[in-house]
């Protein structure tokens, strides 16, 4: 689509990428292993502050240092200190310190 920024996974890497739908409050979430990139869009807006902290703490726990977290604009109001905010022309994301 011309004039629209579209993100995707390069075909060379697609075979090694896995996508999961998961309940972040289920204990099995922490057993999934490490994730270098997590897309978490428009989830936190539905949670209270206690639930937001738990969700982000669990996300932080399964990411390696340098892991990248993408969130929706409405979710950005609440981020743990362990993430460093990065802003680029393509958008905002968070890197685990």
C-alpha atoms as a PDB file:
ATOM      1  CA  UNK A   1       0.000   0.000   0.000  1.00  0.00           C
ATOM      2  CA  UNK A   2       1.580   3.185  -1.119  1.00  0.00           C
ATOM      3  CA  UNK A   3       2.001   5.929   1.478  1.00  0.00           C
ATOM      4  CA  UNK A   4       1.217   3.653   4.419  1.00  0.00           C
ATOM      5  CA  UNK A   5       3.822   2.307   6.839  1.00  0.00           C
ATOM      6  CA  UNK A   6       3.340  -1.441   7.048  1.00  0.00           C
ATOM      7  CA  UNK A   7       5.389  -3.648   9.337  1.00  0.00           C
ATOM      8  CA  UNK A   8       5.898  -7.319   8.729  1.00  0.00           C
ATOM      9  CA  UNK A   9       8.269 -10.189   9.297  1.00  0.00           C
ATOM     10  CA  UNK A  10      10.868 -10.809   6.625  1.00  0.00           C
ATOM     11  CA  UNK A  11      10.187 -14.121   4.876  1.00  0.00           C
ATOM     12  CA  UNK A  12      13.663 -15.371   5.873  1.00  0.00           C
ATOM     13  CA  UNK A  13      12.747 -15.074   9.559  1.00  0.00           C
ATOM     14  CA  UNK A  14       9.075 -16.000   9.402  1.00  0.00           C
ATOM     15  CA  UNK A  15       9.776 -19.714   9.832  1.00  0.00           C
ATOM     16  CA  UNK A  16      11.462 -19.069  13.191  1.00  0.00           C
ATOM     17  CA  UNK A  17       8.770 -16.729  14.558  1.00  0.00           C
ATOM     18  CA  UNK A  18       6.015 -18.003  16.835  1.00  0.00           C
ATOM     19  CA  UNK A  19       2.837 -16.184  17.761  1.00  0.00           C
ATOM     20  CA  UNK A  20       0.757 -16.949  20.841  1.00  0.00           C
ATOM     21  CA  UNK A  21      -2.538 -15.777  22.270  1.00  0.00           C
ATOM     22  CA  UNK A  22      -2.148 -16.016  25.998  1.00  0.00           C
ATOM     23  CA  UNK A  23      -3.903 -14.901  29.174  1.00  0.00           C
ATOM     24  CA  UNK A  24      -1.267 -12.847  30.952  1.00  0.00           C
ATOM     25  CA  UNK A  25      -2.820 -13.614  34.349  1.00  0.00           C
ATOM     26  CA  UNK A  26      -2.634 -17.393  33.834  1.00  0.00           C
ATOM     27  CA  UNK A  27       0.347 -18.994  35.627  1.00  0.00           C
ATOM     28  CA  UNK A  28       1.276 -20.756  32.388  1.00  0.00           C
ATOM     29  CA  UNK A  29       2.257 -17.373  30.912  1.00  0.00           C
ATOM     30  CA  UNK A  30       5.507 -17.314  32.888  1.00  0.00           C
ATOM     31  CA  UNK A  31       6.350 -20.827  31.677  1.00  0.00           C
ATOM     32  CA  UNK A  32       6.285 -19.895  27.989  1.00  0.00           C
ATOM     33  CA  UNK A  33       9.975 -19.022  27.973  1.00  0.00           C
ATOM     34  CA  UNK A  34      11.814 -15.934  26.822  1.00  0.00           C
ATOM     35  CA  UNK A  35      10.500 -13.559  24.196  1.00  0.00           C
ATOM     36  CA  UNK A  36      12.706 -11.061  22.399  1.00  0.00           C
ATOM     37  CA  UNK A  37       9.716  -9.048  21.136  1.00  0.00           C
ATOM     38  CA  UNK A  38       6.248  -8.700  22.652  1.00  0.00           C
ATOM     39  CA  UNK A  39       3.340  -6.881  21.034  1.00  0.00           C
ATOM     40  CA  UNK A  40       0.917  -5.815  23.740  1.00  0.00           C
ATOM     41  CA  UNK A  41      -1.513  -3.376  22.185  1.00  0.00           C
ATOM     42  CA  UNK A  42      -4.597  -1.941  23.865  1.00  0.00           C
ATOM     43  CA  UNK A  43      -4.623  -4.364  26.776  1.00  0.00           C
ATOM     44  CA  UNK A  44      -3.495  -2.257  29.723  1.00  0.00           C
ATOM     45  CA  UNK A  45      -6.248   0.338  29.224  1.00  0.00           C
ATOM     46  CA  UNK A  46      -8.725  -2.224  30.545  1.00  0.00           C
ATOM     47  CA  UNK A  47      -6.774  -2.938  33.742  1.00  0.00           C
ATOM     48  CA  UNK A  48      -6.530  -1.140  37.079  1.00  0.00           C
ATOM     49  CA  UNK A  49      -3.104  -0.012  38.337  1.00  0.00           C
ATOM     50  CA  UNK A  50      -2.505  -3.211  40.337  1.00  0.00           C
ATOM     51  CA  UNK A  51      -3.278  -5.398  37.315  1.00  0.00           C
ATOM     52  CA  UNK A  52      -1.136  -3.192  35.032  1.00  0.00           C
ATOM     53  CA  UNK A  53       1.832  -3.553  37.371  1.00  0.00           C
ATOM     54  CA  UNK A  54       1.410  -7.355  37.524  1.00  0.00           C
ATOM     55  CA  UNK A  55       1.046  -7.640  33.743  1.00  0.00           C
ATOM     56  CA  UNK A  56       4.154  -5.557  33.053  1.00  0.00           C
ATOM     57  CA  UNK A  57       6.139  -7.308  35.789  1.00  0.00           C
ATOM     58  CA  UNK A  58       5.332 -10.680  34.210  1.00  0.00           C
ATOM     59  CA  UNK A  59       6.159  -9.403  30.712  1.00  0.00           C
ATOM     60  CA  UNK A  60       9.442  -8.060  32.066  1.00  0.00           C
ATOM     61  CA  UNK A  61      10.198 -11.446  33.653  1.00  0.00           C
ATOM     62  CA  UNK A  62       9.954 -13.390  30.373  1.00  0.00           C
ATOM     63  CA  UNK A  63      11.997 -10.952  28.279  1.00  0.00           C
ATOM     64  CA  UNK A  64      15.792 -11.026  27.950  1.00  0.00           C
ATOM     65  CA  UNK A  65      17.764  -7.829  28.471  1.00  0.00           C
ATOM     66  CA  UNK A  66      17.422  -5.833  25.268  1.00  0.00           C
ATOM     67  CA  UNK A  67      13.983  -7.334  24.570  1.00  0.00           C
ATOM     68  CA  UNK A  68      11.505  -4.996  22.870  1.00  0.00           C
ATOM     69  CA  UNK A  69       7.963  -4.235  24.037  1.00  0.00           C
ATOM     70  CA  UNK A  70       5.453  -2.587  21.700  1.00  0.00           C
ATOM     71  CA  UNK A  71       2.340  -1.107  23.318  1.00  0.00           C
ATOM     72  CA  UNK A  72      -0.675   0.832  22.094  1.00  0.00           C
ATOM     73  CA  UNK A  73      -0.753   4.599  22.577  1.00  0.00           C
ATOM     74  CA  UNK A  74      -3.478   4.316  25.212  1.00  0.00           C
ATOM     75  CA  UNK A  75      -1.351   1.834  27.214  1.00  0.00           C
ATOM     76  CA  UNK A  76       1.741   4.017  27.468  1.00  0.00           C
ATOM     77  CA  UNK A  77       0.602   5.903  30.584  1.00  0.00           C
ATOM     78  CA  UNK A  78       1.981   3.103  32.755  1.00  0.00           C
ATOM     79  CA  UNK A  79       5.449   1.625  32.194  1.00  0.00           C
ATOM     80  CA  UNK A  80       7.837   0.003  34.680  1.00  0.00           C
ATOM     81  CA  UNK A  81      11.209   1.589  35.409  1.00  0.00           C
ATOM     82  CA  UNK A  82      12.951  -1.468  33.943  1.00  0.00           C
ATOM     83  CA  UNK A  83      12.042  -0.400  30.424  1.00  0.00           C
ATOM     84  CA  UNK A  84      13.775   2.357  28.480  1.00  0.00           C
ATOM     85  CA  UNK A  85      11.542   4.353  26.149  1.00  0.00           C
ATOM     86  CA  UNK A  86      12.783   4.667  22.553  1.00  0.00           C
ATOM     87  CA  UNK A  87      11.234   7.094  20.099  1.00  0.00           C
ATOM     88  CA  UNK A  88      11.875   6.958  16.370  1.00  0.00           C
ATOM     89  CA  UNK A  89      10.190   8.208  13.217  1.00  0.00           C
ATOM     90  CA  UNK A  90       8.459   4.816  13.000  1.00  0.00           C
ATOM     91  CA  UNK A  91       6.991   4.885  16.508  1.00  0.00           C
ATOM     92  CA  UNK A  92       7.616   4.397  20.193  1.00  0.00           C
ATOM     93  CA  UNK A  93       8.736   1.176  21.832  1.00  0.00           C
ATOM     94  CA  UNK A  94      10.355   0.055  25.074  1.00  0.00           C
ATOM     95  CA  UNK A  95      13.605  -1.857  25.612  1.00  0.00           C
ATOM     96  CA  UNK A  96      14.209  -3.985  28.698  1.00  0.00           C
ATOM     97  CA  UNK A  97      17.282  -2.690  30.547  1.00  0.00           C
END
